[in-house]
Amino acid sequence: MPATTIHFVRHGKVYNPDHVLYERLPGFHLSKRGARMAAATARFLALNPATQGVSAIYSSPLERARETAGIILDRLNRERAERGGQPLKLELDTRLIEAGNEFRGKRIGRGEGSLWRRSNWRLLTDLMEPSWGESYRSIAERMAAFVQEQVRDRPGEQIVVVSHESPIWTYRHLLETGHPEHNMLLRGTALASVTSITIDCVSGDVLGIAYADPAAEVGRAAR
């Protein structure tokens, strides 16, 4: 029976010297290290036999995700050209966007407007229920809708999807536990990591979930 595998990639590190919680704000781009992280993940996807058959690439519309996806796309297309294949095109999908957050624009740390100022604590009531923004249920539902569409329309294919930590982990947590609620401090989705989910196209059953962190060395080298 055919199975579709979706490789969820978290974007690389963002240039954010003021430590702003950028959420869906425009103007936040990959840092130099973030671009190197994306390049490491692109190399992993292009050269790993298990991921060489990618037939489509999607991205969240936010800059950091599109930039990560662009680096991956360039590498995949170079490999495809060497094999005589047609180039892939990047497609954007709003269902892959970062979670909504009422703290957007605030700084993480000390100072005026800081996330940890006493006036902001009214929103931090429960780490398992994001009272500060979009619910985990909402995030999981839009991610699941995207996945179900891909499984239906691209049976047996491999797809790369560049998104964000919260959507990727929330959806994975739903598949593994049956509920999307989780402690945001315990997520396992490193920058530029790859969470690969394989789904049976007939039954809809999850056949496997794999995780790789191809950019880990880039992150350690910069510390």
C-alpha atoms as a PDB file:
ATOM      1  CA  MET A   1       0.000   0.000   0.000  1.00  0.00           C
ATOM      2  CA  PRO A   2       1.324   3.504  -0.779  1.00  0.00           C
ATOM      3  CA  ALA A   3       2.525   5.708   2.040  1.00  0.00           C
ATOM      4  CA  THR A   4       3.294   9.416   2.001  1.00  0.00           C
ATOM      5  CA  THR A   5       6.186  10.795   4.046  1.00  0.00           C
ATOM      6  CA  ILE A   6       6.235  14.431   5.084  1.00  0.00           C
ATOM      7  CA  HIS A   7       9.550  15.810   6.305  1.00  0.00           C
ATOM      8  CA  PHE A   8       8.757  18.722   8.620  1.00  0.00           C
ATOM      9  CA  VAL A   9      11.733  21.087   8.858  1.00  0.00           C
ATOM     10  CA  ARG A  10      11.937  23.786  11.483  1.00  0.00           C
ATOM     11  CA  HIS A  11      13.471  27.013  10.157  1.00  0.00           C
ATOM     12  CA  GLY A  12      17.048  27.989  11.044  1.00  0.00           C
ATOM     13  CA  LYS A  13      18.174  30.496  13.635  1.00  0.00           C
ATOM     14  CA  VAL A  14      16.807  34.024  13.268  1.00  0.00           C
ATOM     15  CA  TYR A  15      18.763  37.276  13.534  1.00  0.00           C
ATOM     16  CA  ASN A  16      17.191  38.805  16.640  1.00  0.00           C
ATOM     17  CA  PRO A  17      19.714  40.870  18.635  1.00  0.00           C
ATOM     18  CA  ASP A  18      16.984  42.559  20.711  1.00  0.00           C
ATOM     19  CA  HIS A  19      15.486  39.200  21.777  1.00  0.00           C
ATOM     20  CA  VAL A  20      12.001  40.070  20.561  1.00  0.00           C
ATOM     21  CA  LEU A  21       9.259  37.468  20.583  1.00  0.00           C
ATOM     22  CA  TYR A  22       8.637  37.854  16.857  1.00  0.00           C
ATOM     23  CA  GLU A  23       5.887  35.260  16.382  1.00  0.00           C
ATOM     24  CA  ARG A  24       4.162  36.321  13.119  1.00  0.00           C
ATOM     25  CA  LEU A  25       5.753  39.774  12.903  1.00  0.00           C
ATOM     26  CA  PRO A  26       7.354  40.593   9.533  1.00  0.00           C
ATOM     27  CA  GLY A  27      11.007  41.511   9.074  1.00  0.00           C
ATOM     28  CA  PHE A  28      12.696  38.670  10.951  1.00  0.00           C
ATOM     29  CA  HIS A  29      15.190  36.846   8.752  1.00  0.00           C
ATOM     30  CA  LEU A  30      17.693  34.032   9.116  1.00  0.00           C
ATOM     31  CA  SER A  31      20.990  34.950  10.732  1.00  0.00           C
ATOM     32  CA  LYS A  32      24.250  33.879   9.101  1.00  0.00           C
ATOM     33  CA  ARG A  33      24.290  30.878  11.397  1.00  0.00           C
ATOM     34  CA  GLY A  34      20.653  30.177  10.521  1.00  0.00           C
ATOM     35  CA  ALA A  35      21.555  30.091   6.830  1.00  0.00           C
ATOM     36  CA  ARG A  36      24.368  27.636   7.561  1.00  0.00           C
ATOM     37  CA  MET A  37      21.946  25.487   9.542  1.00  0.00           C
ATOM     38  CA  ALA A  38      19.526  25.462   6.624  1.00  0.00           C
ATOM     39  CA  ALA A  39      22.377  24.508   4.283  1.00  0.00           C
ATOM     40  CA  ALA A  40      23.330  21.583   6.531  1.00  0.00           C
ATOM     41  CA  THR A  41      19.762  20.329   6.529  1.00  0.00           C
ATOM     42  CA  ALA A  42      19.507  20.845   2.776  1.00  0.00           C
ATOM     43  CA  ARG A  43      22.591  18.687   2.308  1.00  0.00           C
ATOM     44  CA  PHE A  44      21.097  16.007   4.542  1.00  0.00           C
ATOM     45  CA  LEU A  45      17.871  15.926   2.556  1.00  0.00           C
ATOM     46  CA  ALA A  46      19.652  15.933  -0.808  1.00  0.00           C
ATOM     47  CA  LEU A  47      22.196  13.211  -0.051  1.00  0.00           C
ATOM     48  CA  ASN A  48      20.375  10.905   2.352  1.00  0.00           C
ATOM     49  CA  PRO A  49      19.037   7.912   0.344  1.00  0.00           C
ATOM     50  CA  ALA A  50      15.892   7.934   2.477  1.00  0.00           C
ATOM     51  CA  THR A  51      15.002  11.492   1.423  1.00  0.00           C
ATOM     52  CA  GLN A  52      16.290  11.775  -2.141  1.00  0.00           C
ATOM     53  CA  GLY A  53      12.874  11.256  -3.717  1.00  0.00           C
ATOM     54  CA  VAL A  54      11.308  14.540  -2.576  1.00  0.00           C
ATOM     55  CA  SER A  55       8.632  15.630  -5.050  1.00  0.00           C
ATOM     56  CA  ALA A  56       7.319  18.851  -3.477  1.00  0.00           C
ATOM     57  CA  ILE A  57       8.359  21.531  -1.005  1.00  0.00           C
ATOM     58  CA  TYR A  58       6.038  23.766   1.015  1.00  0.00           C
ATOM     59  CA  SER A  59       6.696  26.563   3.473  1.00  0.00           C
ATOM     60  CA  SER A  60       5.059  28.810   6.009  1.00  0.00           C
ATOM     61  CA  PRO A  61       4.751  32.311   4.505  1.00  0.00           C
ATOM     62  CA  LEU A  62       6.963  33.921   7.165  1.00  0.00           C
ATOM     63  CA  GLU A  63      10.407  35.129   6.034  1.00  0.00           C
ATOM     64  CA  ARG A  64      12.524  32.829   8.175  1.00  0.00           C
ATOM     65  CA  ALA A  65      10.667  29.770   6.909  1.00  0.00           C
ATOM     66  CA  ARG A  66      10.723  30.885   3.262  1.00  0.00           C
ATOM     67  CA  GLU A  67      14.463  31.587   3.471  1.00  0.00           C
ATOM     68  CA  THR A  68      15.117  28.164   4.970  1.00  0.00           C
ATOM     69  CA  ALA A  69      12.953  26.545   2.310  1.00  0.00           C
ATOM     70  CA  GLY A  70      14.739  28.494  -0.430  1.00  0.00           C
ATOM     71  CA  ILE A  71      18.129  27.146   0.642  1.00  0.00           C
ATOM     72  CA  ILE A  72      16.755  23.612   0.731  1.00  0.00           C
ATOM     73  CA  LEU A  73      15.055  24.088  -2.630  1.00  0.00           C
ATOM     74  CA  ASP A  74      18.263  25.262  -4.294  1.00  0.00           C
ATOM     75  CA  ARG A  75      20.182  22.224  -3.076  1.00  0.00           C
ATOM     76  CA  LEU A  76      17.454  19.745  -4.002  1.00  0.00           C
ATOM     77  CA  ASN A  77      17.147  21.249  -7.470  1.00  0.00           C
ATOM     78  CA  ARG A  78      20.895  21.017  -8.061  1.00  0.00           C
ATOM     79  CA  GLU A  79      20.743  17.322  -7.246  1.00  0.00           C
ATOM     80  CA  ARG A  80      17.659  16.856  -9.438  1.00  0.00           C
ATOM     81  CA  ALA A  81      19.333  18.620 -12.365  1.00  0.00           C
ATOM     82  CA  GLU A  82      22.287  16.241 -12.151  1.00  0.00           C
ATOM     83  CA  ARG A  83      19.862  13.338 -12.462  1.00  0.00           C
ATOM     84  CA  GLY A  84      17.935  14.966 -15.292  1.00  0.00           C
ATOM     85  CA  GLY A  85      14.864  15.735 -13.188  1.00  0.00           C
ATOM     86  CA  GLN A  86      12.557  18.722 -13.410  1.00  0.00           C
ATOM     87  CA  PRO A  87      13.065  21.500 -10.828  1.00  0.00           C
ATOM     88  CA  LEU A  88      10.785  21.782  -7.835  1.00  0.00           C
ATOM     89  CA  LYS A  89       8.911  24.997  -7.040  1.00  0.00           C
ATOM     90  CA  LEU A  90       8.302  26.381  -3.574  1.00  0.00           C
ATOM     91  CA  GLU A  91       4.649  26.558  -2.526  1.00  0.00           C
ATOM     92  CA  LEU A  92       3.413  28.601   0.442  1.00  0.00           C
ATOM     93  CA  ASP A  93       0.612  27.501   2.740  1.00  0.00           C
ATOM     94  CA  THR A  94      -0.800  29.628   5.567  1.00  0.00           C
ATOM     95  CA  ARG A  95      -1.744  26.514   7.564  1.00  0.00           C
ATOM     96  CA  LEU A  96       1.969  26.044   8.290  1.00  0.00           C
ATOM     97  CA  ILE A  97       2.383  29.457   9.923  1.00  0.00           C
ATOM     98  CA  GLU A  98       3.665  30.075  13.448  1.00  0.00           C
ATOM     99  CA  ALA A  99       1.161  29.959  16.299  1.00  0.00           C
ATOM    100  CA  GLY A 100      -0.613  33.190  17.183  1.00  0.00           C
ATOM    101  CA  ASN A 101       0.758  34.759  20.380  1.00  0.00           C
ATOM    102  CA  GLU A 102      -0.467  37.749  22.398  1.00  0.00           C
ATOM    103  CA  PHE A 103       3.128  38.434  23.534  1.00  0.00           C
ATOM    104  CA  ARG A 104       4.368  39.210  19.997  1.00  0.00           C
ATOM    105  CA  GLY A 105       6.671  42.212  19.906  1.00  0.00           C
ATOM    106  CA  LYS A 106       7.680  41.897  23.563  1.00  0.00           C
ATOM    107  CA  ARG A 107      11.264  41.267  24.578  1.00  0.00           C
ATOM    108  CA  ILE A 108      12.312  38.053  26.252  1.00  0.00           C
ATOM    109  CA  GLY A 109      14.228  39.029  29.376  1.00  0.00           C
ATOM    110  CA  ARG A 110      14.444  42.291  31.281  1.00  0.00           C
ATOM    111  CA  GLY A 111      13.541  45.841  30.409  1.00  0.00           C
ATOM    112  CA  GLU A 112      10.534  47.840  29.277  1.00  0.00           C
ATOM    113  CA  GLY A 113       8.013  45.652  27.495  1.00  0.00           C
ATOM    114  CA  SER A 114       9.696  42.475  28.713  1.00  0.00           C
ATOM    115  CA  LEU A 115       7.754  39.239  28.563  1.00  0.00           C
ATOM    116  CA  TRP A 116       8.463  38.658  32.261  1.00  0.00           C
ATOM    117  CA  ARG A 117       7.087  41.968  33.557  1.00  0.00           C
ATOM    118  CA  ARG A 118       4.392  41.440  36.170  1.00  0.00           C
ATOM    119  CA  SER A 119       1.657  42.917  33.940  1.00  0.00           C
ATOM    120  CA  ASN A 120       2.170  40.096  31.447  1.00  0.00           C
ATOM    121  CA  TRP A 121       1.799  37.224  33.900  1.00  0.00           C
ATOM    122  CA  ARG A 122      -2.004  37.339  33.657  1.00  0.00           C
ATOM    123  CA  LEU A 123      -1.707  35.448  30.352  1.00  0.00           C
ATOM    124  CA  LEU A 124       0.687  32.797  31.703  1.00  0.00           C
ATOM    125  CA  THR A 125      -1.809  30.625  33.530  1.00  0.00           C
ATOM    126  CA  ASP A 126      -0.960  27.114  32.322  1.00  0.00           C
ATOM    127  CA  LEU A 127       1.896  25.921  30.087  1.00  0.00           C
ATOM    128  CA  MET A 128      -0.322  23.044  28.902  1.00  0.00           C
ATOM    129  CA  GLU A 129      -3.036  25.432  27.697  1.00  0.00           C
ATOM    130  CA  PRO A 130      -1.690  28.453  25.778  1.00  0.00           C
ATOM    131  CA  SER A 131      -3.879  31.154  27.256  1.00  0.00           C
ATOM    132  CA  TRP A 132      -1.469  33.622  25.641  1.00  0.00           C
ATOM    133  CA  GLY A 133      -2.524  32.817  22.077  1.00  0.00           C
ATOM    134  CA  GLU A 134      -3.754  30.219  19.588  1.00  0.00           C
ATOM    135  CA  SER A 135      -4.853  26.956  21.207  1.00  0.00           C
ATOM    136  CA  TYR A 136      -2.914  23.749  20.630  1.00  0.00           C
ATOM    137  CA  ARG A 137      -6.123  22.216  19.304  1.00  0.00           C
ATOM    138  CA  SER A 138      -6.373  24.902  16.621  1.00  0.00           C
ATOM    139  CA  ILE A 139      -2.717  24.464  15.647  1.00  0.00           C
ATOM    140  CA  ALA A 140      -3.072  20.682  15.410  1.00  0.00           C
ATOM    141  CA  GLU A 141      -6.249  20.901  13.341  1.00  0.00           C
ATOM    142  CA  ARG A 142      -4.762  23.134  10.661  1.00  0.00           C
ATOM    143  CA  MET A 143      -1.610  21.034  10.468  1.00  0.00           C
ATOM    144  CA  ALA A 144      -3.674  17.843  10.257  1.00  0.00           C
ATOM    145  CA  ALA A 145      -5.783  19.336   7.465  1.00  0.00           C
ATOM    146  CA  PHE A 146      -2.633  20.106   5.483  1.00  0.00           C
ATOM    147  CA  VAL A 147      -1.255  16.603   6.014  1.00  0.00           C
ATOM    148  CA  GLN A 148      -4.501  14.878   5.086  1.00  0.00           C
ATOM    149  CA  GLU A 149      -4.609  16.871   1.866  1.00  0.00           C
ATOM    150  CA  GLN A 150      -1.067  15.819   0.966  1.00  0.00           C
ATOM    151  CA  VAL A 151      -1.726  12.160   1.744  1.00  0.00           C
ATOM    152  CA  ARG A 152      -4.797  12.269  -0.486  1.00  0.00           C
ATOM    153  CA  ASP A 153      -3.253  14.197  -3.378  1.00  0.00           C
ATOM    154  CA  ARG A 154       0.317  12.856  -3.275  1.00  0.00           C
ATOM    155  CA  PRO A 155       0.087   9.142  -2.460  1.00  0.00           C
ATOM    156  CA  GLY A 156       3.442   7.466  -2.060  1.00  0.00           C
ATOM    157  CA  GLU A 157       5.421  10.698  -2.353  1.00  0.00           C
ATOM    158  CA  GLN A 158       7.941  12.452  -0.118  1.00  0.00           C
ATOM    159  CA  ILE A 159       7.314  16.098   0.737  1.00  0.00           C
ATOM    160  CA  VAL A 160       9.433  18.698   2.524  1.00  0.00           C
ATOM    161  CA  VAL A 161       7.519  21.180   4.683  1.00  0.00           C
ATOM    162  CA  VAL A 162       9.248  24.117   6.405  1.00  0.00           C
ATOM    163  CA  SER A 163       7.358  25.365   9.431  1.00  0.00           C
ATOM    164  CA  HIS A 164       7.929  26.359  13.059  1.00  0.00           C
ATOM    165  CA  GLU A 165       8.587  24.676  16.387  1.00  0.00           C
ATOM    166  CA  SER A 166       5.088  24.947  17.828  1.00  0.00           C
ATOM    167  CA  PRO A 167       3.111  23.629  14.817  1.00  0.00           C
ATOM    168  CA  ILE A 168       5.535  20.771  14.167  1.00  0.00           C
ATOM    169  CA  TRP A 169       5.706  19.582  17.762  1.00  0.00           C
ATOM    170  CA  THR A 170       1.986  20.093  18.444  1.00  0.00           C
ATOM    171  CA  TYR A 171       1.041  17.923  15.476  1.00  0.00           C
ATOM    172  CA  ARG A 172       3.581  15.270  16.373  1.00  0.00           C
ATOM    173  CA  HIS A 173       2.361  15.239  19.972  1.00  0.00           C
ATOM    174  CA  LEU A 174      -1.205  14.754  18.757  1.00  0.00           C
ATOM    175  CA  LEU A 175      -0.164  11.728  16.690  1.00  0.00           C
ATOM    176  CA  GLU A 176       1.862  10.173  19.500  1.00  0.00           C
ATOM    177  CA  THR A 177      -0.473  10.810  22.440  1.00  0.00           C
ATOM    178  CA  GLY A 178      -3.912  11.459  20.963  1.00  0.00           C
ATOM    179  CA  HIS A 179      -4.045  15.045  22.250  1.00  0.00           C
ATOM    180  CA  PRO A 180      -2.166  18.193  21.198  1.00  0.00           C
ATOM    181  CA  GLU A 181      -1.745  19.752  24.643  1.00  0.00           C
ATOM    182  CA  HIS A 182       1.826  19.687  25.930  1.00  0.00           C
ATOM    183  CA  ASN A 183       4.396  21.522  28.025  1.00  0.00           C
ATOM    184  CA  MET A 184       6.035  24.027  25.699  1.00  0.00           C
ATOM    185  CA  LEU A 185       9.307  23.743  27.644  1.00  0.00           C
ATOM    186  CA  LEU A 186       9.672  20.048  26.758  1.00  0.00           C
ATOM    187  CA  ARG A 187       9.511  20.196  22.956  1.00  0.00           C
ATOM    188  CA  GLY A 188      12.024  18.214  20.914  1.00  0.00           C
ATOM    189  CA  THR A 189      12.287  20.240  17.706  1.00  0.00           C
ATOM    190  CA  ALA A 190      15.732  21.796  17.283  1.00  0.00           C
ATOM    191  CA  LEU A 191      16.421  24.586  14.816  1.00  0.00           C
ATOM    192  CA  ALA A 192      16.622  23.219  11.241  1.00  0.00           C
ATOM    193  CA  SER A 193      15.732  19.725  12.494  1.00  0.00           C
ATOM    194  CA  VAL A 194      13.730  17.224  10.443  1.00  0.00           C
ATOM    195  CA  THR A 195      10.674  15.409  11.809  1.00  0.00           C
ATOM    196  CA  SER A 196       9.612  12.783   9.256  1.00  0.00           C
ATOM    197  CA  ILE A 197       6.086  11.378   9.500  1.00  0.00           C
ATOM    198  CA  THR A 198       4.975   8.494   7.276  1.00  0.00           C
ATOM    199  CA  ILE A 199       1.249   7.887   6.809  1.00  0.00           C
ATOM    200  CA  ASP A 200      -0.542   5.030   5.073  1.00  0.00           C
ATOM    201  CA  CYS A 201      -2.543   6.514   2.212  1.00  0.00           C
ATOM    202  CA  VAL A 202      -5.401   4.015   2.516  1.00  0.00           C
ATOM    203  CA  SER A 203      -5.942   3.654   6.249  1.00  0.00           C
ATOM    204  CA  GLY A 204      -4.515   6.981   7.351  1.00  0.00           C
ATOM    205  CA  ASP A 205      -2.489   5.188  10.018  1.00  0.00           C
ATOM    206  CA  VAL A 206       0.849   6.610  11.102  1.00  0.00           C
ATOM    207  CA  LEU A 207       3.499   4.091  10.046  1.00  0.00           C
ATOM    208  CA  GLY A 208       6.459   5.845  11.576  1.00  0.00           C
ATOM    209  CA  ILE A 209       7.889   9.031  13.042  1.00  0.00           C
ATOM    210  CA  ALA A 210      11.614   9.746  12.718  1.00  0.00           C
ATOM    211  CA  TYR A 211      13.714  12.673  13.894  1.00  0.00           C
ATOM    212  CA  ALA A 212      17.073  14.021  12.720  1.00  0.00           C
ATOM    213  CA  ASP A 213      19.122  17.071  13.668  1.00  0.00           C
ATOM    214  CA  PRO A 214      21.467  17.638  10.699  1.00  0.00           C
ATOM    215  CA  ALA A 215      22.404  21.162  11.808  1.00  0.00           C
ATOM    216  CA  ALA A 216      23.464  20.248  15.351  1.00  0.00           C
ATOM    217  CA  GLU A 217      27.168  20.648  14.597  1.00  0.00           C
ATOM    218  CA  VAL A 218      26.556  24.117  13.131  1.00  0.00           C
ATOM    219  CA  GLY A 219      24.839  25.153  16.338  1.00  0.00           C
ATOM    220  CA  ARG A 220      27.577  23.749  18.582  1.00  0.00           C
ATOM    221  CA  ALA A 221      30.380  25.285  16.507  1.00  0.00           C
ATOM    222  CA  ALA A 222      28.959  28.771  16.992  1.00  0.00           C
ATOM    223  CA  ARG A 223      28.853  28.621  20.784  1.00  0.00           C
END
